[in-house]
Amino acid sequence: MKKYYTLFLLLIITVSFSSCSSEDDSNNNDSEFAMTAVINGEVFEANNPFGTNEFSSTNIWNYYPIEDFVMLQARDGGIVGTREINIWLKRTDITPGVYNFGPDTFTTPPSHFIRMFELTNDISELTRGGKIEIKSVNTTDKIVEGTFEFTTSENPDDPSSPIDFTVTEGKFRYKYE
């Protein structure tokens, strides 16, 4: 009987150790948020306006039409949130790589673009520039993951205009349409 008890104990220990994983596992995508970032030193953790991280939002902007762009929308606090970040990815360019962008001139849509909204103040921040890095794309399940950073100002075309917001350490993981 003691022999079986020892074998059973060894089996339990083996299973316990084999199910452990490192906190630093770079493939760990179990975040409860679809998007995270640091905005002027404050942590931003958000999902889509419906409070989930299950899908991207429907794009209603004519300038970024839904047939050409996927919009990844994140709002802290759900429908009544205080801040929102929208990332537009051109459907033909949803491939791994780094995409830099400057201020939007509204003459020709860029490949990828980001805009931030201060919902409590009803302010749409103007993006000065930044970058989006698409790290992985699963075209079967339609999941896109990446990182981003950008800055905003009142007059992004004027280099002397002060920066209002600096957004760093941005990460996203969305199921897109």
Protein backbone atom coordinates (compact mmCIF):
# COMPACT_ATOMS: atom_id res chain seq x y z
CA MET A 1 0.00 0.00 0.00
CA LYS A 2 2.84 2.36 0.86
CA LYS A 3 4.29 1.79 -2.63
CA TYR A 4 1.03 2.96 -4.29
CA TYR A 5 0.83 5.97 -2.00
CA THR A 6 4.40 6.97 -2.97
CA LEU A 7 3.62 6.57 -6.67
CA PHE A 8 0.43 8.60 -6.29
CA LEU A 9 2.33 11.36 -4.48
CA LEU A 10 5.00 11.44 -7.19
CA LEU A 11 2.29 11.69 -9.84
CA ILE A 12 0.67 14.65 -8.05
CA ILE A 13 4.00 16.45 -7.71
CA THR A 14 4.88 15.85 -11.37
CA VAL A 15 1.52 17.17 -12.59
CA SER A 16 1.79 20.21 -10.30
CA PHE A 17 5.21 21.18 -11.62
CA SER A 18 4.33 20.57 -15.25
CA SER A 19 1.33 22.89 -15.04
CA CYS A 20 3.34 25.83 -13.68
CA SER A 21 4.26 28.64 -16.05
CA SER A 22 6.45 31.67 -15.86
CA GLU A 23 4.95 35.11 -15.26
CA ASP A 24 7.38 36.43 -17.89
CA ASP A 25 6.04 34.19 -20.65
CA SER A 26 5.93 36.49 -23.68
CA ASN A 27 3.09 34.48 -25.22
CA ASN A 28 0.82 35.07 -22.23
CA ASN A 29 -2.24 36.85 -23.62
CA ASP A 30 -4.57 36.36 -20.69
CA SER A 31 -4.98 40.08 -19.96
CA GLU A 32 -8.50 41.08 -19.04
CA PHE A 33 -8.06 44.25 -21.13
CA ALA A 34 -8.01 44.58 -24.89
CA MET A 35 -5.77 47.65 -24.65
CA THR A 36 -3.39 49.05 -22.06
CA ALA A 37 -1.08 52.07 -22.10
CA VAL A 38 0.46 54.76 -19.94
CA ILE A 39 -0.94 58.27 -20.58
CA ASN A 40 1.18 61.05 -19.05
CA GLY A 41 2.28 58.60 -16.37
CA GLU A 42 -1.24 57.25 -15.60
CA VAL A 43 -2.19 53.65 -16.37
CA PHE A 44 -4.92 53.24 -19.01
CA GLU A 45 -6.64 49.83 -19.06
CA ALA A 46 -9.62 49.47 -21.34
CA ASN A 47 -11.86 47.26 -23.41
CA ASN A 48 -14.30 48.15 -26.16
CA PRO A 49 -17.17 50.50 -25.19
CA PHE A 50 -19.31 47.48 -24.27
CA GLY A 51 -16.78 46.45 -21.61
CA THR A 52 -15.41 43.33 -23.30
CA ASN A 53 -12.17 42.46 -25.05
CA GLU A 54 -13.86 40.09 -27.46
CA PHE A 55 -14.09 42.18 -30.63
CA SER A 56 -13.18 45.44 -32.31
CA SER A 57 -15.75 48.16 -32.82
CA THR A 58 -17.63 49.03 -35.97
CA ASN A 59 -16.06 51.94 -37.75
CA ILE A 60 -18.53 54.78 -38.37
CA TRP A 61 -16.04 57.35 -39.66
CA ASN A 62 -16.37 58.08 -43.39
CA TYR A 63 -12.71 59.04 -43.57
CA TYR A 64 -11.73 55.55 -42.42
CA PRO A 65 -14.43 53.44 -44.15
CA ILE A 66 -15.21 50.02 -42.68
CA GLU A 67 -14.45 48.26 -45.96
CA ASP A 68 -10.88 49.67 -45.85
CA PHE A 69 -10.10 49.91 -42.11
CA VAL A 70 -10.50 47.96 -38.88
CA MET A 71 -11.06 50.16 -35.83
CA LEU A 72 -9.73 48.98 -32.47
CA GLN A 73 -11.63 51.05 -29.92
CA ALA A 74 -10.82 51.08 -26.21
CA ARG A 75 -12.71 53.06 -23.59
CA ASP A 76 -11.90 52.94 -19.91
CA GLY A 77 -15.04 52.42 -17.86
CA GLY A 78 -17.19 51.11 -20.74
CA ILE A 79 -19.94 53.27 -22.23
CA VAL A 80 -19.52 56.04 -19.62
CA GLY A 81 -15.72 56.04 -19.69
CA THR A 82 -13.43 59.05 -19.39
CA ARG A 83 -10.83 58.33 -22.09
CA GLU A 84 -10.91 56.53 -25.39
CA ILE A 85 -8.16 55.47 -27.79
CA ASN A 86 -9.04 54.47 -31.34
CA ILE A 87 -6.57 52.70 -33.60
CA TRP A 88 -7.37 52.35 -37.29
CA LEU A 89 -5.57 49.57 -39.18
CA LYS A 90 -5.76 49.47 -42.94
CA ARG A 91 -7.12 46.02 -43.81
CA THR A 92 -4.54 45.46 -46.55
CA ASP A 93 -1.73 46.26 -44.09
CA ILE A 94 -2.70 44.07 -41.13
CA THR A 95 0.64 42.31 -41.25
CA PRO A 96 3.52 42.21 -38.76
CA GLY A 97 5.72 45.26 -38.96
CA VAL A 98 6.33 48.78 -37.64
CA TYR A 99 4.13 51.57 -38.98
CA ASN A 100 5.11 55.19 -38.23
CA PHE A 101 2.63 58.01 -38.68
CA GLY A 102 2.50 61.79 -38.34
CA PRO A 103 -0.38 64.23 -37.99
CA ASP A 104 -3.45 63.32 -40.01
CA THR A 105 -3.90 65.81 -42.82
CA PHE A 106 -7.34 64.51 -43.86
CA THR A 107 -6.27 64.43 -47.49
CA THR A 108 -5.21 60.80 -47.78
CA PRO A 109 -5.79 58.31 -44.96
CA PRO A 110 -2.54 56.83 -43.61
CA SER A 111 -1.93 53.10 -43.46
CA HIS A 112 -2.50 53.03 -39.68
CA PHE A 113 -3.50 55.85 -37.31
CA ILE A 114 -4.37 56.56 -33.65
CA ARG A 115 -6.58 59.21 -32.03
CA MET A 116 -7.33 59.84 -28.36
CA PHE A 117 -10.50 61.37 -26.92
CA GLU A 118 -10.97 62.98 -23.51
CA LEU A 119 -14.64 62.10 -23.06
CA THR A 120 -15.25 64.01 -19.82
CA ASN A 121 -14.04 67.25 -21.45
CA ASP A 122 -15.47 66.42 -24.90
CA ILE A 123 -12.01 66.94 -26.42
CA SER A 124 -10.62 65.11 -29.42
CA GLU A 125 -6.86 65.27 -29.11
CA LEU A 126 -4.95 65.86 -32.33
CA THR A 127 -2.26 63.28 -32.91
CA ARG A 128 1.21 64.66 -33.53
CA GLY A 129 2.84 61.35 -34.41
CA GLY A 130 3.74 57.90 -33.25
CA LYS A 131 4.12 54.30 -34.24
CA ILE A 132 2.18 51.07 -34.22
CA GLU A 133 3.93 47.72 -34.25
CA ILE A 134 1.85 44.75 -35.27
CA LYS A 135 3.48 41.81 -33.53
CA SER A 136 1.21 38.98 -34.64
CA VAL A 137 -1.85 38.33 -36.78
CA ASN A 138 -3.96 35.19 -36.68
CA THR A 139 -5.94 35.36 -39.94
CA THR A 140 -7.95 32.22 -39.11
CA ASP A 141 -9.32 33.53 -35.80
CA LYS A 142 -8.88 37.18 -36.89
CA ILE A 143 -6.83 38.26 -33.87
CA VAL A 144 -4.29 41.08 -34.09
CA GLU A 145 -1.76 41.94 -31.38
CA GLY A 146 0.73 44.75 -31.13
CA THR A 147 2.17 47.77 -29.40
CA PHE A 148 1.87 51.52 -29.90
CA GLU A 149 3.00 54.94 -28.73
CA PHE A 150 2.04 58.45 -29.78
CA THR A 151 1.85 62.10 -28.74
CA THR A 152 -0.88 64.73 -29.07
CA SER A 153 -0.99 68.52 -29.19
CA GLU A 154 -3.39 71.35 -30.01
CA ASN A 155 -1.59 72.11 -33.26
CA PRO A 156 0.33 69.00 -34.36
CA ASP A 157 1.66 70.70 -37.52
CA ASP A 158 3.47 73.37 -35.47
CA PRO A 159 6.68 71.92 -33.94
CA SER A 160 6.63 74.63 -31.24
CA SER A 161 3.13 73.63 -30.06
CA PRO A 162 3.48 71.87 -26.69
CA ILE A 163 2.68 68.19 -26.35
CA ASP A 164 -0.51 67.66 -24.33
CA PHE A 165 -0.38 63.89 -23.95
CA THR A 166 2.37 61.33 -24.28
CA VAL A 167 1.09 57.77 -24.62
CA THR A 168 3.67 55.03 -24.07
CA GLU A 169 3.81 51.29 -23.37
CA GLY A 170 0.64 50.75 -25.39
CA LYS A 171 -0.44 47.16 -26.04
CA PHE A 172 -3.48 45.77 -27.81
CA ARG A 173 -5.02 42.38 -28.55
CA TYR A 174 -8.30 42.35 -30.48
CA LYS A 175 -10.49 40.04 -32.43
CA TYR A 176 -11.31 42.01 -35.56
CA GLU A 177 -14.16 41.78 -38.06
